[in-house]
Amino acid sequence: MSPSFSLLDLGGLNRHVEQSLRIHGGAYDEGLKASSVILARSVRKRLSVRGGGTPSRPGEPPRKQKGTLARSVSQGAAGAGRIVAVQRFTAAMLEQGVNTSLPVRSGRKGKRGRKAARTLVIAARPFMDAALRAVEGEMAGATVRAIRPGGL
């Protein structure tokens, strides 16, 4: 029997729908869980290459400076599926790159004593696609093993 909800308990209804989607949609499926763990590990590995204070070149994955980016990689259920994400807000800027058309105010003062305006340009340093390509076969194998216990 399904639970009943009042019109005032829309939050409870939403939680019930989300939980049903996760259960019936496969978010808790062992194959999907294993695949998302494998992908998260691959992303962390790409973001853990030591930089030694030297930034990465455009087109290369970001190099590790403090390790914050690699530590922010997480995976979990999202709706009917699973998601692997890098939680730091700078991750999207590094992945896609940034080229602002509006001036960004810096802390430095210009010639006339006012804060100098500059544009912000960060060349893309993609890492998610490379991390996925590196473990596609392993992820497929984890899914097959979950479907057919005992292997191929």
C-alpha atoms as a PDB file:
ATOM      1  CA  MET A   1       0.000   0.000   0.000  1.00  0.00           C
ATOM      2  CA  SER A   2       1.399   3.391  -0.930  1.00  0.00           C
ATOM      3  CA  PRO A   3       1.564   6.143   1.687  1.00  0.00           C
ATOM      4  CA  SER A   4      -0.983   8.950   1.531  1.00  0.00           C
ATOM      5  CA  PHE A   5       0.086  12.598   1.547  1.00  0.00           C
ATOM      6  CA  SER A   6      -1.786  15.798   2.269  1.00  0.00           C
ATOM      7  CA  LEU A   7      -1.455  18.783  -0.025  1.00  0.00           C
ATOM      8  CA  LEU A   8       0.548  20.482   2.716  1.00  0.00           C
ATOM      9  CA  ASP A   9       3.152  17.695   2.814  1.00  0.00           C
ATOM     10  CA  LEU A  10       4.668  18.186  -0.633  1.00  0.00           C
ATOM     11  CA  GLY A  11       8.168  17.755   0.787  1.00  0.00           C
ATOM     12  CA  GLY A  12       7.239  14.287   2.058  1.00  0.00           C
ATOM     13  CA  LEU A  13       5.722  13.416  -1.309  1.00  0.00           C
ATOM     14  CA  ASN A  14       8.861  14.606  -3.090  1.00  0.00           C
ATOM     15  CA  ARG A  15      11.081  12.492  -0.808  1.00  0.00           C
ATOM     16  CA  HIS A  16       8.855   9.454  -1.443  1.00  0.00           C
ATOM     17  CA  VAL A  17       9.023   9.944  -5.243  1.00  0.00           C
ATOM     18  CA  GLU A  18      12.812  10.398  -5.145  1.00  0.00           C
ATOM     19  CA  GLN A  19      13.244   7.251  -3.032  1.00  0.00           C
ATOM     20  CA  SER A  20      10.980   5.257  -5.381  1.00  0.00           C
ATOM     21  CA  LEU A  21      12.945   6.472  -8.405  1.00  0.00           C
ATOM     22  CA  ARG A  22      16.204   5.408  -6.783  1.00  0.00           C
ATOM     23  CA  ILE A  23      14.929   1.968  -5.860  1.00  0.00           C
ATOM     24  CA  HIS A  24      13.072   1.155  -9.065  1.00  0.00           C
ATOM     25  CA  GLY A  25      15.270   3.138 -11.431  1.00  0.00           C
ATOM     26  CA  GLY A  26      18.487   1.383 -10.516  1.00  0.00           C
ATOM     27  CA  ALA A  27      20.369   3.978  -8.478  1.00  0.00           C
ATOM     28  CA  TYR A  28      21.095   1.287  -5.879  1.00  0.00           C
ATOM     29  CA  ASP A  29      22.003  -1.318  -8.502  1.00  0.00           C
ATOM     30  CA  GLU A  30      25.341  -2.957  -7.636  1.00  0.00           C
ATOM     31  CA  GLY A  31      26.647  -2.547 -11.192  1.00  0.00           C
ATOM     32  CA  LEU A  32      25.903   1.177 -11.267  1.00  0.00           C
ATOM     33  CA  LYS A  33      27.391   1.641  -7.794  1.00  0.00           C
ATOM     34  CA  ALA A  34      30.580  -0.173  -8.811  1.00  0.00           C
ATOM     35  CA  SER A  35      30.818   1.839 -12.048  1.00  0.00           C
ATOM     36  CA  SER A  36      30.419   5.169 -10.259  1.00  0.00           C
ATOM     37  CA  VAL A  37      33.072   4.203  -7.677  1.00  0.00           C
ATOM     38  CA  ILE A  38      35.473   3.252 -10.509  1.00  0.00           C
ATOM     39  CA  LEU A  39      34.854   6.563 -12.310  1.00  0.00           C
ATOM     40  CA  ALA A  40      35.272   8.609  -9.105  1.00  0.00           C
ATOM     41  CA  ARG A  41      38.595   6.848  -8.446  1.00  0.00           C
ATOM     42  CA  SER A  42      39.742   7.631 -12.004  1.00  0.00           C
ATOM     43  CA  VAL A  43      38.824  11.326 -11.644  1.00  0.00           C
ATOM     44  CA  ARG A  44      40.685  11.531  -8.319  1.00  0.00           C
ATOM     45  CA  LYS A  45      43.737   9.910  -9.941  1.00  0.00           C
ATOM     46  CA  ARG A  46      43.715  12.487 -12.780  1.00  0.00           C
ATOM     47  CA  LEU A  47      43.466  15.335 -10.263  1.00  0.00           C
ATOM     48  CA  SER A  48      46.228  13.931  -8.021  1.00  0.00           C
ATOM     49  CA  VAL A  49      49.208  14.356 -10.372  1.00  0.00           C
ATOM     50  CA  ARG A  50      51.683  16.430  -8.378  1.00  0.00           C
ATOM     51  CA  GLY A  51      52.336  19.901  -9.663  1.00  0.00           C
ATOM     52  CA  GLY A  52      55.095  20.987  -7.302  1.00  0.00           C
ATOM     53  CA  GLY A  53      53.890  24.574  -7.567  1.00  0.00           C
ATOM     54  CA  THR A  54      53.894  24.438 -11.374  1.00  0.00           C
ATOM     55  CA  PRO A  55      50.451  24.898 -12.956  1.00  0.00           C
ATOM     56  CA  SER A  56      49.321  22.567 -15.710  1.00  0.00           C
ATOM     57  CA  ARG A  57      49.404  23.608 -19.337  1.00  0.00           C
ATOM     58  CA  PRO A  58      46.155  24.380 -21.136  1.00  0.00           C
ATOM     59  CA  GLY A  59      44.614  21.146 -22.390  1.00  0.00           C
ATOM     60  CA  GLU A  60      46.184  19.048 -19.579  1.00  0.00           C
ATOM     61  CA  PRO A  61      44.286  18.026 -16.426  1.00  0.00           C
ATOM     62  CA  PRO A  62      44.867  20.394 -13.492  1.00  0.00           C
ATOM     63  CA  ARG A  63      47.901  19.437 -11.427  1.00  0.00           C
ATOM     64  CA  LYS A  64      47.656  18.901  -7.698  1.00  0.00           C
ATOM     65  CA  GLN A  65      48.644  21.947  -5.663  1.00  0.00           C
ATOM     66  CA  LYS A  66      46.910  21.344  -2.320  1.00  0.00           C
ATOM     67  CA  GLY A  67      44.741  18.320  -3.162  1.00  0.00           C
ATOM     68  CA  THR A  68      41.455  20.107  -2.513  1.00  0.00           C
ATOM     69  CA  LEU A  69      40.056  19.406  -5.967  1.00  0.00           C
ATOM     70  CA  ALA A  70      40.779  15.656  -5.783  1.00  0.00           C
ATOM     71  CA  ARG A  71      39.314  15.417  -2.279  1.00  0.00           C
ATOM     72  CA  SER A  72      36.081  17.034  -3.455  1.00  0.00           C
ATOM     73  CA  VAL A  73      35.256  14.208  -5.907  1.00  0.00           C
ATOM     74  CA  SER A  74      32.120  12.368  -4.803  1.00  0.00           C
ATOM     75  CA  GLN A  75      29.629   9.888  -6.185  1.00  0.00           C
ATOM     76  CA  GLY A  76      26.125   8.884  -5.178  1.00  0.00           C
ATOM     77  CA  ALA A  77      22.510   8.327  -6.125  1.00  0.00           C
ATOM     78  CA  ALA A  78      20.821  11.070  -8.148  1.00  0.00           C
ATOM     79  CA  GLY A  79      17.230  10.517  -9.189  1.00  0.00           C
ATOM     80  CA  ALA A  80      16.985   7.182 -10.978  1.00  0.00           C
ATOM     81  CA  GLY A  81      20.731   6.952 -11.650  1.00  0.00           C
ATOM     82  CA  ARG A  82      24.087   7.802 -10.140  1.00  0.00           C
ATOM     83  CA  ILE A  83      26.349  10.821 -10.456  1.00  0.00           C
ATOM     84  CA  VAL A  84      30.073  11.455 -10.133  1.00  0.00           C
ATOM     85  CA  ALA A  85      30.875  15.092  -9.423  1.00  0.00           C
ATOM     86  CA  VAL A  86      33.681  17.377  -8.342  1.00  0.00           C
ATOM     87  CA  GLN A  87      32.171  19.581  -5.649  1.00  0.00           C
ATOM     88  CA  ARG A  88      34.616  22.529  -5.805  1.00  0.00           C
ATOM     89  CA  PHE A  89      33.176  25.470  -7.725  1.00  0.00           C
ATOM     90  CA  THR A  90      36.522  25.923  -9.507  1.00  0.00           C
ATOM     91  CA  ALA A  91      36.218  22.474 -11.131  1.00  0.00           C
ATOM     92  CA  ALA A  92      33.796  23.650 -13.814  1.00  0.00           C
ATOM     93  CA  MET A  93      35.991  26.667 -14.575  1.00  0.00           C
ATOM     94  CA  LEU A  94      39.034  24.429 -15.000  1.00  0.00           C
ATOM     95  CA  GLU A  95      37.128  21.823 -17.043  1.00  0.00           C
ATOM     96  CA  GLN A  96      35.524  24.328 -19.457  1.00  0.00           C
ATOM     97  CA  GLY A  97      37.820  27.327 -19.184  1.00  0.00           C
ATOM     98  CA  VAL A  98      36.825  30.931 -18.518  1.00  0.00           C
ATOM     99  CA  ASN A  99      37.004  34.039 -20.653  1.00  0.00           C
ATOM    100  CA  THR A 100      35.137  36.950 -19.098  1.00  0.00           C
ATOM    101  CA  SER A 101      34.031  39.806 -21.253  1.00  0.00           C
ATOM    102  CA  LEU A 102      33.299  41.948 -18.198  1.00  0.00           C
ATOM    103  CA  PRO A 103      36.193  43.373 -16.214  1.00  0.00           C
ATOM    104  CA  VAL A 104      37.080  41.670 -12.935  1.00  0.00           C
ATOM    105  CA  ARG A 105      38.194  43.930 -10.089  1.00  0.00           C
ATOM    106  CA  SER A 106      41.494  42.939  -8.552  1.00  0.00           C
ATOM    107  CA  GLY A 107      42.885  43.951  -5.185  1.00  0.00           C
ATOM    108  CA  ARG A 108      45.678  45.977  -6.829  1.00  0.00           C
ATOM    109  CA  LYS A 109      45.447  49.687  -7.290  1.00  0.00           C
ATOM    110  CA  GLY A 110      45.990  51.210 -10.694  1.00  0.00           C
ATOM    111  CA  LYS A 111      47.936  54.349 -11.591  1.00  0.00           C
ATOM    112  CA  ARG A 112      45.172  56.669 -10.442  1.00  0.00           C
ATOM    113  CA  GLY A 113      44.641  54.986  -7.075  1.00  0.00           C
ATOM    114  CA  ARG A 114      41.546  53.065  -8.204  1.00  0.00           C
ATOM    115  CA  LYS A 115      41.283  49.310  -8.303  1.00  0.00           C
ATOM    116  CA  ALA A 116      42.452  48.029 -11.664  1.00  0.00           C
ATOM    117  CA  ALA A 117      39.926  46.226 -13.887  1.00  0.00           C
ATOM    118  CA  ARG A 118      41.084  43.119 -15.736  1.00  0.00           C
ATOM    119  CA  THR A 119      39.449  40.341 -17.667  1.00  0.00           C
ATOM    120  CA  LEU A 120      39.759  36.805 -16.340  1.00  0.00           C
ATOM    121  CA  VAL A 121      41.045  34.179 -18.770  1.00  0.00           C
ATOM    122  CA  ILE A 122      41.612  30.552 -17.740  1.00  0.00           C
ATOM    123  CA  ALA A 123      42.281  28.111 -20.561  1.00  0.00           C
ATOM    124  CA  ALA A 124      40.378  24.800 -20.354  1.00  0.00           C
ATOM    125  CA  ARG A 125      42.047  21.970 -18.475  1.00  0.00           C
ATOM    126  CA  PRO A 126      39.665  19.070 -19.139  1.00  0.00           C
ATOM    127  CA  PHE A 127      39.831  16.016 -16.907  1.00  0.00           C
ATOM    128  CA  MET A 128      36.389  14.366 -16.737  1.00  0.00           C
ATOM    129  CA  ASP A 129      36.278  12.999 -20.303  1.00  0.00           C
ATOM    130  CA  ALA A 130      39.806  11.586 -20.074  1.00  0.00           C
ATOM    131  CA  ALA A 131      38.974   9.957 -16.731  1.00  0.00           C
ATOM    132  CA  LEU A 132      35.883   8.329 -18.256  1.00  0.00           C
ATOM    133  CA  ARG A 133      37.713   7.105 -21.367  1.00  0.00           C
ATOM    134  CA  ALA A 134      40.440   5.572 -19.195  1.00  0.00           C
ATOM    135  CA  VAL A 135      37.996   3.316 -17.312  1.00  0.00           C
ATOM    136  CA  GLU A 136      35.181   2.619 -19.798  1.00  0.00           C
ATOM    137  CA  GLY A 137      36.118  -1.046 -20.108  1.00  0.00           C
ATOM    138  CA  GLU A 138      36.473  -1.503 -16.356  1.00  0.00           C
ATOM    139  CA  MET A 139      33.067   0.129 -15.782  1.00  0.00           C
ATOM    140  CA  ALA A 140      31.431  -2.121 -18.397  1.00  0.00           C
ATOM    141  CA  GLY A 141      33.033  -5.155 -16.739  1.00  0.00           C
ATOM    142  CA  ALA A 142      31.693  -4.136 -13.313  1.00  0.00           C
ATOM    143  CA  THR A 143      28.200  -3.796 -14.767  1.00  0.00           C
ATOM    144  CA  VAL A 144      28.396  -7.200 -16.488  1.00  0.00           C
ATOM    145  CA  ARG A 145      29.666  -8.848 -13.292  1.00  0.00           C
ATOM    146  CA  ALA A 146      26.726  -7.384 -11.365  1.00  0.00           C
ATOM    147  CA  ILE A 147      24.253  -8.688 -13.953  1.00  0.00           C
ATOM    148  CA  ARG A 148      25.905 -12.122 -14.335  1.00  0.00           C
ATOM    149  CA  PRO A 149      27.477 -13.231 -11.081  1.00  0.00           C
ATOM    150  CA  GLY A 150      30.396 -15.484 -11.844  1.00  0.00           C
ATOM    151  CA  GLY A 151      31.740 -13.371 -14.708  1.00  0.00           C
ATOM    152  CA  LEU A 152      31.600 -13.807 -18.463  1.00  0.00           C
END
